[in-house]
N, C-alpha and C. Protein backbone atom coordinates (compact mmCIF):
# COMPACT_ATOMS: atom_id res chain seq x y z
N MET A 1 181.73 3.05 285.72
CA MET A 1 182.92 3.48 286.29
C MET A 1 183.79 2.51 287.51
N THR A 2 185.00 3.12 287.69
CA THR A 2 185.87 2.63 288.55
C THR A 2 185.80 3.36 289.89
N GLU A 3 186.04 2.27 290.85
CA GLU A 3 186.13 2.80 292.18
C GLU A 3 187.57 2.81 292.86
N PRO A 4 187.75 4.25 292.65
CA PRO A 4 188.79 4.66 293.06
C PRO A 4 189.68 4.27 294.59
N GLN A 5 188.50 3.24 295.55
CA GLN A 5 189.30 3.16 296.83
C GLN A 5 190.24 3.80 297.36
N VAL A 6 190.34 5.06 297.06
CA VAL A 6 191.11 6.50 297.82
C VAL A 6 190.59 6.89 298.97
N THR A 7 191.09 6.71 300.24
CA THR A 7 190.34 7.46 301.04
C THR A 7 191.61 8.56 301.84
N ILE A 8 190.90 9.68 302.24
CA ILE A 8 192.22 10.63 303.02
C ILE A 8 191.19 10.91 304.35
N GLU A 9 191.65 11.16 304.91
CA GLU A 9 191.22 11.41 306.78
C GLU A 9 192.25 12.73 306.95
N ARG A 10 191.74 13.63 307.62
CA ARG A 10 192.56 14.44 308.14
C ARG A 10 191.67 15.62 309.03
N GLU A 11 192.55 16.33 309.75
CA GLU A 11 191.99 17.28 310.97
C GLU A 11 192.14 18.67 310.29
N VAL A 12 190.72 19.50 310.56
CA VAL A 12 190.34 20.47 310.20
C VAL A 12 190.22 21.38 311.10
N TRP A 13 190.38 22.55 311.19
CA TRP A 13 190.49 23.55 312.15
C TRP A 13 188.74 24.41 311.66
N THR A 14 187.80 24.18 311.63
CA THR A 14 186.76 24.60 311.36
C THR A 14 185.30 23.99 312.53
N THR A 15 183.96 24.42 312.36
CA THR A 15 182.54 24.11 312.42
C THR A 15 182.05 23.09 311.77
N PRO A 16 181.74 22.10 312.15
CA PRO A 16 180.55 21.47 310.73
C PRO A 16 179.95 22.17 309.78
N ALA A 17 179.45 23.47 310.57
CA ALA A 17 178.51 24.07 309.49
C ALA A 17 179.30 25.09 308.62
N GLU A 18 180.45 25.46 309.04
CA GLU A 18 181.48 25.62 307.92
C GLU A 18 182.17 24.78 307.20
N PHE A 19 182.30 24.05 307.67
CA PHE A 19 182.61 23.09 306.56
C PHE A 19 181.69 22.35 305.47
N ARG A 20 180.53 22.18 305.73
CA ARG A 20 178.95 22.00 305.24
C ARG A 20 179.12 23.01 304.25
N ARG A 21 179.42 24.90 304.48
CA ARG A 21 178.96 25.77 303.73
C ARG A 21 179.86 25.95 302.36
N ALA A 22 181.42 25.23 303.27
CA ALA A 22 182.79 25.40 302.01
C ALA A 22 182.08 24.47 300.99
N LEU A 23 182.09 23.37 301.43
CA LEU A 23 182.09 22.41 300.25
C LEU A 23 180.49 22.44 299.10
N ALA A 24 179.46 23.31 299.60
CA ALA A 24 178.38 23.24 299.01
C ALA A 24 178.66 24.87 297.94
N MET A 25 180.25 25.24 298.32
CA MET A 25 180.53 26.70 297.51
C MET A 25 181.34 26.26 296.49
N ALA A 26 182.14 25.07 296.95
CA ALA A 26 182.87 23.81 295.83
C ALA A 26 182.00 23.43 294.88
N PHE A 27 180.82 23.08 295.54
CA PHE A 27 180.16 21.92 294.76
C PHE A 27 178.52 21.96 294.57
N PRO A 28 178.34 23.19 294.26
CA PRO A 28 176.83 23.94 293.98
C PRO A 28 176.19 22.92 293.86
N GLY A 29 174.89 22.71 294.20
CA GLY A 29 173.47 21.43 294.39
C GLY A 29 174.02 20.51 293.65
N ARG A 30 175.25 19.82 294.38
CA ARG A 30 175.65 18.52 294.05
C ARG A 30 176.42 17.99 295.49
N VAL A 31 175.78 18.72 296.63
CA VAL A 31 175.70 17.85 297.92
C VAL A 31 174.53 17.70 298.58
N ALA A 32 174.94 16.38 299.13
CA ALA A 32 173.62 15.86 299.72
C ALA A 32 173.86 15.34 301.10
N ASP A 33 173.20 15.60 301.91
CA ASP A 33 173.38 14.88 303.21
C ASP A 33 172.75 13.00 303.22
N ARG A 34 173.40 12.18 303.59
CA ARG A 34 172.72 11.25 303.93
C ARG A 34 172.97 10.25 304.83
N ALA A 35 172.08 10.28 305.78
CA ALA A 35 172.84 9.47 307.28
C ALA A 35 173.64 9.70 307.97
N GLY A 36 174.06 11.35 308.11
CA GLY A 36 175.08 12.05 308.19
C GLY A 36 176.25 11.91 308.06
N ARG A 37 176.49 11.55 306.57
CA ARG A 37 177.24 11.65 305.48
C ARG A 37 177.56 12.53 304.49
N LEU A 38 178.12 13.49 303.95
CA LEU A 38 177.99 13.86 303.57
C LEU A 38 178.40 13.72 302.00
N CYS A 39 177.63 13.76 300.80
CA CYS A 39 177.79 12.62 299.18
C CYS A 39 177.98 13.70 297.91
N VAL A 40 179.17 13.88 297.57
CA VAL A 40 179.43 14.58 296.56
C VAL A 40 179.29 14.14 295.45
N GLU A 41 178.51 14.37 294.23
CA GLU A 41 178.64 13.97 292.97
C GLU A 41 179.31 15.05 291.98
N ASP A 42 179.97 14.32 291.12
CA ASP A 42 180.52 15.90 290.50
C ASP A 42 181.10 14.88 289.38
N GLY A 43 179.84 15.04 287.95
CA GLY A 43 180.04 14.08 287.38
C GLY A 43 180.06 12.51 287.07
N GLN A 44 181.12 12.10 286.56
CA GLN A 44 181.51 10.55 286.55
C GLN A 44 181.91 10.30 287.72
N ALA A 45 182.21 11.02 288.82
CA ALA A 45 183.09 10.86 290.21
C ALA A 45 182.40 11.53 291.13
N ALA A 46 182.53 10.87 292.30
CA ALA A 46 182.06 10.96 293.63
C ALA A 46 182.98 10.57 294.62
N MET A 47 182.34 11.42 295.96
CA MET A 47 182.57 11.20 297.22
C MET A 47 181.73 11.35 298.16
N GLU A 48 183.09 10.26 299.20
CA GLU A 48 181.68 10.66 300.85
C GLU A 48 182.37 11.14 301.85
N VAL A 49 181.66 12.12 302.34
CA VAL A 49 182.46 12.75 303.67
C VAL A 49 181.91 12.79 304.93
N SER A 50 183.01 12.32 305.79
CA SER A 50 182.10 11.84 307.29
C SER A 50 183.14 13.06 308.15
N LEU A 51 181.89 13.75 308.51
CA LEU A 51 182.69 14.52 309.80
C LEU A 51 182.66 13.99 311.32
N GLN A 52 183.85 14.45 311.94
CA GLN A 52 183.48 13.28 313.26
C GLN A 52 184.22 14.86 314.61
N PRO A 53 183.60 15.46 315.02
CA PRO A 53 183.96 16.43 315.98
C PRO A 53 184.94 16.13 316.81
N LEU A 54 186.35 16.83 317.07
CA LEU A 54 186.90 16.57 318.06
C LEU A 54 187.41 17.80 319.51
N PRO A 55 187.80 17.39 319.99
CA PRO A 55 187.88 18.68 321.34
C PRO A 55 188.36 19.93 320.53
N PRO A 56 187.95 20.98 321.17
CA PRO A 56 188.97 22.23 320.45
C PRO A 56 190.23 22.62 320.98
N HIS A 57 190.88 23.17 320.45
CA HIS A 57 192.35 23.05 320.40
C HIS A 57 192.21 24.63 321.46
N ASP A 58 193.12 24.78 322.50
CA ASP A 58 193.09 26.29 322.72
C ASP A 58 194.49 26.70 322.72
N ILE A 59 194.21 27.87 322.45
CA ILE A 59 195.77 28.71 322.26
C ILE A 59 195.49 30.17 323.39
N ALA A 60 195.87 30.17 324.80
CA ALA A 60 196.08 31.25 325.39
C ALA A 60 193.74 31.08 325.76
N LEU A 61 193.98 32.50 325.55
CA LEU A 61 192.08 32.39 325.50
C LEU A 61 191.16 32.27 324.35
N LEU A 62 192.28 31.92 323.34
CA LEU A 62 191.24 31.39 321.45
C LEU A 62 191.16 29.91 322.21
N ARG A 63 190.06 29.55 321.30
CA ARG A 63 189.44 28.31 321.07
C ARG A 63 189.14 27.79 319.91
N MET A 64 189.81 26.92 319.34
CA MET A 64 189.81 26.72 317.66
C MET A 64 189.03 25.44 317.93
N PRO A 65 187.83 25.35 316.83
CA PRO A 65 187.62 23.94 316.58
C PRO A 65 187.93 23.39 315.87
N ARG A 66 187.85 21.98 316.14
CA ARG A 66 188.32 20.81 315.39
C ARG A 66 187.43 19.69 314.67
N LEU A 67 187.90 19.27 313.36
CA LEU A 67 187.20 17.98 313.37
C LEU A 67 188.13 16.95 312.54
N LYS A 68 187.44 15.83 312.79
CA LYS A 68 188.14 14.86 311.61
C LYS A 68 187.80 14.35 310.22
N VAL A 69 188.27 15.01 309.08
CA VAL A 69 187.41 14.65 308.11
C VAL A 69 187.61 13.77 307.32
N SER A 70 186.94 12.80 307.04
CA SER A 70 187.16 11.52 305.68
C SER A 70 186.75 11.54 304.98
N LEU A 71 187.63 11.51 303.97
CA LEU A 71 186.97 11.49 302.06
C LEU A 71 186.98 10.13 301.57
N ARG A 72 186.10 9.77 300.79
CA ARG A 72 186.25 8.38 300.65
C ARG A 72 185.81 8.60 298.94
N GLY A 73 186.79 8.44 298.09
CA GLY A 73 186.58 8.14 296.91
C GLY A 73 185.12 6.54 296.88
N THR A 74 183.97 7.59 296.41
CA THR A 74 182.91 6.28 295.94
C THR A 74 182.22 5.84 293.99
N ALA A 75 183.26 6.71 293.35
CA ALA A 75 183.30 7.03 291.64
C ALA A 75 184.10 7.49 291.37
N GLY A 76 184.58 6.64 289.90
CA GLY A 76 185.85 7.76 289.12
C GLY A 76 186.51 7.05 289.02
N THR A 77 187.41 7.91 289.22
CA THR A 77 189.06 7.45 288.98
C THR A 77 189.80 8.13 290.45
N PRO A 78 191.04 7.32 290.82
CA PRO A 78 191.65 7.56 291.68
C PRO A 78 192.18 9.61 291.38
N ASP A 79 192.72 10.00 290.25
CA ASP A 79 192.73 11.37 289.73
C ASP A 79 191.47 12.04 289.38
N GLN A 80 191.04 11.66 289.48
CA GLN A 80 188.93 12.45 289.46
C GLN A 80 188.71 12.75 290.51
N PHE A 81 189.57 11.92 291.60
CA PHE A 81 188.89 11.97 292.99
C PHE A 81 189.93 12.77 293.49
N LYS A 82 191.12 13.09 293.63
CA LYS A 82 192.58 13.81 293.61
C LYS A 82 191.56 15.32 293.36
N ALA A 83 191.23 15.53 292.12
CA ALA A 83 190.62 16.78 291.17
C ALA A 83 189.98 17.39 292.30
N MET A 84 188.50 16.52 292.60
CA MET A 84 187.63 16.92 293.77
C MET A 84 188.26 17.43 294.90
N VAL A 85 189.02 16.74 295.34
CA VAL A 85 189.21 17.27 297.14
C VAL A 85 190.31 18.31 296.70
N ALA A 86 191.15 19.01 295.49
CA ALA A 86 191.82 19.52 295.09
C ALA A 86 190.78 20.77 295.24
N ARG A 87 189.64 20.53 294.46
CA ARG A 87 188.54 22.08 294.22
C ARG A 87 188.06 22.21 296.04
N MET A 88 187.24 21.19 296.62
CA MET A 88 187.12 21.60 298.05
C MET A 88 188.37 22.25 298.24
N ASP A 89 189.70 22.15 298.53
CA ASP A 89 190.25 22.65 299.29
C ASP A 89 190.60 23.86 299.11
N ARG A 90 190.23 24.48 297.58
CA ARG A 90 190.42 25.77 297.06
C ARG A 90 189.09 26.33 297.90
N ALA A 91 187.94 26.05 297.93
CA ALA A 91 186.85 26.96 298.74
C ALA A 91 186.98 26.86 299.77
N MET A 92 187.85 26.18 300.66
CA MET A 92 188.33 26.38 302.38
C MET A 92 189.41 26.74 302.37
N GLN A 93 190.46 27.16 301.59
CA GLN A 93 191.17 28.37 301.78
C GLN A 93 190.73 29.68 302.51
N ARG A 94 191.30 29.95 303.29
CA ARG A 94 191.32 31.15 304.12
C ARG A 94 192.23 32.22 303.74
N GLY A 95 192.01 33.67 304.15
CA GLY A 95 192.68 34.26 303.79
C GLY A 95 193.64 34.66 305.41
N GLY A 96 194.94 34.99 304.78
CA GLY A 96 195.68 35.62 306.15
C GLY A 96 196.90 36.06 305.69
N GLY A 97 197.89 36.66 307.00
CA GLY A 97 198.87 37.38 306.27
C GLY A 97 199.37 38.29 307.29
């Protein structure tokens, strides 16, 4: 297996518990918590996810939780890693309108 050496960092508006729940929905039975990092394996591809809480964002009386999320491909190809991220993103979409 090749190391993709791809890292993505982003800010998301969710709690660590909500993030973990959505990640587990995207990859049922494939998420492990290892020393505070979430490890996801999907076939030949794998990624490591680290979460860092950020100060909440306040809009009037509304307080929105924020996280810095770092995703690092640890196995597979860059395309396989991108496919894993896309799958995760679909599981984390929220309705609106």
